[in-house]
Protein backbone atom coordinates (compact mmCIF):
# COMPACT_ATOMS: atom_id res chain seq x y z
CA MET A 1 185.60 72.79 36.54
CA CYS A 2 182.22 71.41 35.56
CA ARG A 3 180.33 69.88 38.44
CA ASN A 4 178.91 67.17 36.22
CA ILE A 5 182.28 65.54 35.73
CA ARG A 6 182.61 62.89 38.44
CA PRO A 7 185.79 61.25 39.75
CA LEU A 8 186.43 58.02 37.88
CA ASN A 9 189.59 56.78 39.64
CA ASN A 10 189.81 53.99 42.21
CA PHE A 11 186.35 52.53 41.88
CA GLU A 12 185.22 48.95 41.81
CA PRO A 13 184.22 48.12 39.12
CA PRO A 14 186.56 50.45 37.17
CA ALA A 15 185.21 53.20 34.98
CA THR A 16 183.69 52.14 31.73
CA ARG A 17 184.34 53.58 28.29
CA ASP A 18 180.87 55.16 28.42
CA GLU A 19 181.81 56.93 31.64
CA THR A 20 185.11 58.24 30.28
CA HIS A 21 183.36 59.34 27.07
CA ALA A 22 180.65 61.16 29.09
CA ALA A 23 183.35 62.95 31.14
CA ALA A 24 185.21 63.89 27.99
CA LEU A 25 182.04 65.19 26.38
CA GLN A 26 181.25 67.34 29.41
CA TYR A 27 184.80 68.72 29.42
CA VAL A 28 184.79 69.58 25.72
CA ARG A 29 181.34 71.16 26.02
CA LYS A 30 182.59 73.32 28.91
CA VAL A 31 185.73 74.41 27.09
CA ALA A 32 183.93 75.01 23.77
CA GLY A 33 181.15 76.91 25.51
CA ALA A 34 178.46 74.98 23.63
CA THR A 35 176.47 71.87 24.37
CA LYS A 36 175.96 71.16 20.67
CA PRO A 37 178.43 72.37 18.06
CA SER A 38 177.41 73.72 14.70
CA GLN A 39 177.60 71.39 11.70
CA ARG A 40 180.75 73.20 10.65
CA ASN A 41 182.42 72.46 14.00
CA GLN A 42 181.02 68.96 14.60
CA GLU A 43 184.07 67.09 13.27
CA ALA A 44 186.53 69.07 15.40
CA PHE A 45 184.25 68.66 18.42
CA ASP A 46 184.04 64.88 17.95
CA ARG A 47 187.83 64.60 17.51
CA ALA A 48 188.38 66.57 20.72
CA VAL A 49 185.95 64.32 22.66
CA ALA A 50 187.73 61.20 21.36
CA ALA A 51 191.18 62.62 22.24
CA VAL A 52 190.13 63.62 25.75
CA ALA A 53 188.45 60.22 26.30
CA ARG A 54 191.65 58.44 25.18
CA ALA A 55 193.80 60.61 27.46
CA THR A 56 191.39 59.95 30.37
CA GLU A 57 191.58 56.19 29.87
CA GLU A 58 195.40 56.30 29.68
CA LEU A 59 195.53 58.34 32.87
CA LEU A 60 193.19 56.00 34.76
CA ASP A 61 195.21 52.97 33.55
CA GLU A 62 198.48 54.45 34.77
CA LEU A 63 197.44 55.89 38.12
CA VAL A 64 198.70 53.99 41.18
CA ASN A 65 196.21 53.80 44.08
CA VAL A 66 197.26 52.98 47.61
CA GLY A 67 193.85 53.26 49.24
CA PRO A 68 191.03 50.73 49.10
CA LYS A 69 188.73 50.79 46.07
CA LYS A 70 185.55 52.77 46.54
CA ASP A 71 182.17 51.17 46.02
CA ARG A 72 179.98 53.02 43.49
CA GLU A 73 176.76 52.32 45.34
CA VAL A 74 178.09 53.53 48.72
CA GLU A 75 179.44 56.72 47.07
CA ALA A 76 176.06 57.30 45.33
CA VAL A 77 174.25 57.04 48.67
CA LYS A 78 176.69 59.53 50.22
CA ALA A 79 176.20 61.91 47.32
CA ARG A 80 172.41 61.74 47.66
CA ALA A 81 172.68 62.42 51.38
CA ARG A 82 174.90 65.46 50.72
CA ALA A 83 172.48 66.77 48.12
CA GLU A 84 169.50 66.25 50.39
CA LYS A 85 171.25 68.15 53.16
CA ARG A 86 172.30 70.95 50.79
CA TYR A 87 168.89 71.46 49.24
CA ALA A 88 166.74 70.84 52.31
CA SER A 89 164.34 73.71 53.00
C-alpha cells in the first residue's frame, strides 16, 4: 500500500475530513496509476475519491478501540526519529 497513507484511527483529536479526503485521494491515485487524471476521467476520479472518503469516515466512526488514544504530536516526534535513524549517513 502507499506509504503516504497514514493511520487515522484512535487519535486525539479524531481525524478530520481533510485527512480522510487526503487518504482517499492517495488511495485512488495509487489504484488509478495517475496523480492527475485526464479531463475525460476527472469526474470518475472525483467520484471515486468521494466514495473512498465516505467509506473511510464510516469505518473510523464504527471502529471500537480498547487502547488509549494516541497523541498526534507524540506520534509525529516518533516518526521523525525513525526517519532520522533510517536516513542517517
